[in-house]
């Protein structure tokens, strides 16, 4: 059960994968919260000044009061994922207590943020066809960090499976049998890309999407 906390209000946008990271983590943690939909193309005048000066699509005031000037405002989806794990320590799977697993979660999230998401945006959103090579490299980089593949090759961080006498769980999630913030960090993007690949949506030649999807599962 989630630890009690002040009321959380999530200012979000259903079309935004960054915002969905936080919604997924909140759902997994079983946290009660108030959802406020923001139209990213027509944001309320009060949103930037009172809620989110950085103009990020995700912000969580704690507590919230329509919105109260006394409430704490937080923004940036990855910051919010760690915030949720901190205020709900009774749900250790969000960010495990084990230091090795915590490091693996953060290393995976860094790979998602620096190698996969930027290439995803260039290819999928901006339609830069030449970005497909970088996108595939990004996908391969994060997939090599998954438990099912870590045993085949040493990860870029130099930590091997079983090092220190500790075995790495086989999945099905990034850190093993339990969902964590590492899964929330990539899920909205991975699901969008899989859907696009399977339907040849984006800057793909006909049939290339399915071939790319097949090559990923063969990694």
Protein backbone atom coordinates (compact mmCIF):
# COMPACT_ATOMS: atom_id res chain seq x y z
CA UNK A 1 0.00 0.00 0.00
CA UNK A 2 1.17 3.50 -0.83
CA UNK A 3 2.40 5.68 2.01
CA UNK A 4 0.10 8.59 2.85
CA UNK A 5 1.10 11.98 1.49
CA UNK A 6 -0.36 15.36 0.62
CA UNK A 7 -2.74 15.61 -2.29
CA UNK A 8 -1.01 15.40 -5.65
CA UNK A 9 -2.38 17.21 -8.67
CA UNK A 10 -0.87 16.15 -11.97
CA UNK A 11 -0.99 18.67 -14.79
CA UNK A 12 -0.68 16.50 -17.85
CA UNK A 13 -1.47 16.04 -21.54
CA UNK A 14 -2.77 12.73 -22.85
CA UNK A 15 -0.82 13.09 -26.10
CA UNK A 16 2.51 13.63 -24.34
CA UNK A 17 4.79 10.61 -23.70
CA UNK A 18 6.75 12.55 -21.06
CA UNK A 19 3.58 13.18 -19.07
CA UNK A 20 2.57 9.54 -19.46
CA UNK A 21 5.76 8.48 -17.68
CA UNK A 22 4.43 10.03 -14.50
CA UNK A 23 0.89 8.71 -14.99
CA UNK A 24 2.23 5.17 -15.42
CA UNK A 25 4.32 5.41 -12.25
CA UNK A 26 1.39 6.84 -10.27
CA UNK A 27 -0.83 3.98 -11.45
CA UNK A 28 1.78 1.36 -10.58
CA UNK A 29 2.26 2.89 -7.13
CA UNK A 30 -1.49 3.01 -6.53
CA UNK A 31 -1.30 6.68 -5.60
CA UNK A 32 -4.47 8.77 -5.48
CA UNK A 33 -4.12 12.00 -7.41
CA UNK A 34 -6.11 14.65 -9.24
CA UNK A 35 -5.58 14.79 -12.99
CA UNK A 36 -5.75 18.14 -14.80
CA UNK A 37 -5.55 18.00 -18.60
CA UNK A 38 -3.54 20.77 -20.27
CA UNK A 39 -4.01 21.60 -23.96
CA UNK A 40 -0.40 21.99 -25.06
CA UNK A 41 -1.49 24.06 -28.05
CA UNK A 42 -3.55 26.41 -25.91
CA UNK A 43 -2.16 26.48 -22.37
CA UNK A 44 -4.05 28.50 -19.74
CA UNK A 45 -2.45 31.86 -18.98
CA UNK A 46 -1.92 30.87 -15.35
CA UNK A 47 -0.12 27.62 -16.17
CA UNK A 48 3.37 28.99 -16.84
CA UNK A 49 3.39 31.61 -14.08
CA UNK A 50 1.69 29.66 -11.29
CA UNK A 51 2.43 26.03 -12.08
CA UNK A 52 5.27 25.41 -14.48
CA UNK A 53 7.63 28.29 -15.39
CA UNK A 54 9.82 25.83 -17.31
CA UNK A 55 6.78 25.09 -19.53
CA UNK A 56 7.25 21.36 -19.23
CA UNK A 57 4.12 19.27 -19.81
CA UNK A 58 4.25 17.56 -16.43
CA UNK A 59 4.05 19.24 -13.04
CA UNK A 60 2.87 18.01 -9.64
CA UNK A 61 2.04 20.50 -6.88
CA UNK A 62 2.04 19.04 -3.35
CA UNK A 63 -0.36 19.97 -1.84
CA UNK A 64 -2.59 21.61 -4.49
CA UNK A 65 -5.30 24.17 -4.10
CA UNK A 66 -6.51 25.34 -7.50
CA UNK A 67 -3.45 26.05 -7.59
CA UNK A 68 -2.26 27.32 -4.22
CA UNK A 69 0.74 29.69 -4.15
CA UNK A 70 1.86 27.76 -1.06
CA UNK A 71 2.01 24.42 -2.85
CA UNK A 72 5.24 22.87 -4.05
CA UNK A 73 5.58 22.75 -7.83
CA UNK A 74 7.71 20.09 -9.48
CA UNK A 75 8.34 19.60 -13.17
CA UNK A 76 10.24 17.30 -15.54
CA UNK A 77 9.06 13.72 -15.88
CA UNK A 78 12.27 11.98 -14.78
CA UNK A 79 12.49 14.17 -11.68
CA UNK A 80 8.89 13.27 -10.86
CA UNK A 81 9.61 9.55 -11.21
CA UNK A 82 12.30 9.72 -8.53
CA UNK A 83 10.11 12.01 -6.42
CA UNK A 84 7.36 9.37 -6.41
CA UNK A 85 9.79 6.68 -5.36
CA UNK A 86 11.08 8.91 -2.55
CA UNK A 87 7.66 9.73 -1.09
CA UNK A 88 6.54 6.11 -1.36
CA UNK A 89 9.45 4.12 0.10
CA UNK A 90 7.04 1.30 0.96
CA UNK A 91 6.92 0.54 -2.79
CA UNK A 92 10.61 -0.35 -3.28
CA UNK A 93 10.12 -1.60 -6.82
CA UNK A 94 9.71 1.98 -8.11
CA UNK A 95 13.38 2.51 -7.27
CA UNK A 96 14.85 -0.52 -5.47
CA UNK A 97 16.75 -0.11 -2.22
CA UNK A 98 19.57 -2.30 -3.49
CA UNK A 99 22.35 0.09 -4.61
CA UNK A 100 23.31 -2.03 -7.62
CA UNK A 101 19.74 -2.12 -8.91
CA UNK A 102 19.33 1.61 -8.26
CA UNK A 103 22.47 2.26 -10.28
CA UNK A 104 21.23 0.00 -13.09
CA UNK A 105 17.90 1.84 -13.14
CA UNK A 106 19.60 5.23 -13.41
CA UNK A 107 22.05 3.98 -16.04
CA UNK A 108 19.16 2.61 -18.13
CA UNK A 109 17.21 5.86 -17.78
CA UNK A 110 20.29 7.82 -18.88
CA UNK A 111 20.61 5.63 -21.99
CA UNK A 112 16.92 6.15 -22.78
CA UNK A 113 17.27 9.93 -22.35
CA UNK A 114 20.51 10.43 -24.25
CA UNK A 115 20.47 7.73 -26.92
CA UNK A 116 16.91 6.66 -27.66
CA UNK A 117 14.53 9.56 -27.07
CA UNK A 118 16.46 12.23 -29.06
CA UNK A 119 16.72 9.91 -32.08
CA UNK A 120 13.08 8.89 -31.67
CA UNK A 121 12.03 12.54 -31.77
CA UNK A 122 14.09 13.34 -34.86
CA UNK A 123 12.79 10.37 -36.79
CA UNK A 124 9.24 9.98 -35.53
CA UNK A 125 8.23 13.58 -34.86
CA UNK A 126 10.39 15.64 -37.21
CA UNK A 127 10.31 13.01 -39.96
CA UNK A 128 14.07 13.05 -40.57
CA UNK A 129 14.48 9.88 -42.59
CA UNK A 130 18.27 9.93 -42.25
CA UNK A 131 17.88 9.66 -38.47
CA UNK A 132 16.82 6.00 -38.69
CA UNK A 133 20.42 4.82 -38.20
CA UNK A 134 20.76 6.74 -34.94
CA UNK A 135 17.36 5.49 -33.85
CA UNK A 136 18.31 1.86 -34.35
CA UNK A 137 21.57 2.46 -32.47
CA UNK A 138 19.60 3.99 -29.62
CA UNK A 139 17.24 1.02 -29.50
CA UNK A 140 20.14 -1.42 -29.47
CA UNK A 141 21.87 0.56 -26.70
CA UNK A 142 18.93 0.31 -24.32
CA UNK A 143 18.06 -3.28 -25.28
CA UNK A 144 21.58 -4.41 -24.38
CA UNK A 145 20.86 -3.25 -20.84
CA UNK A 146 17.82 -5.49 -20.46
CA UNK A 147 18.17 -8.57 -18.22
CA UNK A 148 17.54 -11.03 -21.06
CA UNK A 149 20.49 -9.62 -23.02
CA UNK A 150 22.93 -8.60 -20.30
CA UNK A 151 24.19 -12.14 -20.00
CA UNK A 152 25.24 -12.14 -23.66
CA UNK A 153 27.57 -9.17 -23.47
CA UNK A 154 29.05 -6.83 -20.92
CA UNK A 155 27.08 -3.60 -20.62
CA UNK A 156 28.61 -0.22 -21.35
CA UNK A 157 28.86 0.49 -17.63
CA UNK A 158 31.25 -2.44 -17.17
CA UNK A 159 29.02 -4.23 -14.66
CA UNK A 160 28.52 -7.87 -15.58
CA UNK A 161 25.72 -10.17 -14.59
CA UNK A 162 26.41 -11.88 -11.31
CA UNK A 163 29.21 -9.48 -10.35
CA UNK A 164 29.65 -9.32 -6.58
CA UNK A 165 27.84 -12.62 -6.16
CA UNK A 166 24.47 -11.08 -7.08
CA UNK A 167 22.48 -12.53 -9.93
CA UNK A 168 20.46 -10.27 -12.19
CA UNK A 169 16.78 -11.23 -12.37
CA UNK A 170 15.65 -12.43 -15.83
CA UNK A 171 12.78 -9.99 -16.34
CA UNK A 172 10.20 -9.34 -17.69
CA UNK A 173 10.96 -5.74 -16.64
CA UNK A 174 14.16 -3.72 -16.84
CA UNK A 175 15.31 -4.70 -13.34
CA UNK A 176 13.73 -8.13 -13.18
CA UNK A 177 10.29 -9.29 -12.01
CA UNK A 178 9.09 -5.92 -10.70
CA UNK A 179 8.09 -2.75 -12.54
CA UNK A 180 10.31 0.27 -11.78
CA UNK A 181 10.78 3.87 -12.84
CA UNK A 182 13.20 2.57 -15.49
CA UNK A 183 10.23 0.92 -17.23
CA UNK A 184 8.13 4.06 -16.87
CA UNK A 185 10.91 6.11 -18.48
CA UNK A 186 10.82 4.19 -21.76
CA UNK A 187 7.33 2.68 -21.97
CA UNK A 188 5.45 5.60 -23.64
CA UNK A 189 8.14 5.94 -26.31
CA UNK A 190 8.70 2.23 -26.92
CA UNK A 191 4.98 1.54 -27.35
CA UNK A 192 4.60 4.42 -29.80
CA UNK A 193 7.55 3.24 -31.83
CA UNK A 194 6.43 -0.38 -31.92
CA UNK A 195 3.01 0.74 -33.16
CA UNK A 196 4.63 2.90 -35.83
CA UNK A 197 6.96 0.15 -36.97
CA UNK A 198 4.20 -2.43 -37.24
CA UNK A 199 2.14 -0.07 -39.41
CA UNK A 200 4.95 1.52 -41.46
CA UNK A 201 4.05 4.90 -39.98
CA UNK A 202 6.76 7.55 -40.12
CA UNK A 203 9.65 8.03 -42.50
CA UNK A 204 9.67 4.37 -43.57
CA UNK A 205 9.67 2.81 -46.98
CA UNK A 206 6.84 0.31 -47.38
CA UNK A 207 7.67 -2.85 -45.46
CA UNK A 208 10.71 -1.38 -43.71
CA UNK A 209 8.88 -0.93 -40.43
CA UNK A 210 8.10 -4.62 -39.99
CA UNK A 211 11.61 -5.60 -41.07
CA UNK A 212 13.05 -3.21 -38.49
CA UNK A 213 10.79 -4.59 -35.81
CA UNK A 214 11.87 -8.13 -36.65
CA UNK A 215 15.55 -7.21 -36.45
CA UNK A 216 15.02 -5.70 -32.99
CA UNK A 217 13.46 -8.88 -31.59
CA UNK A 218 16.39 -10.88 -32.97
CA UNK A 219 18.94 -8.86 -30.94
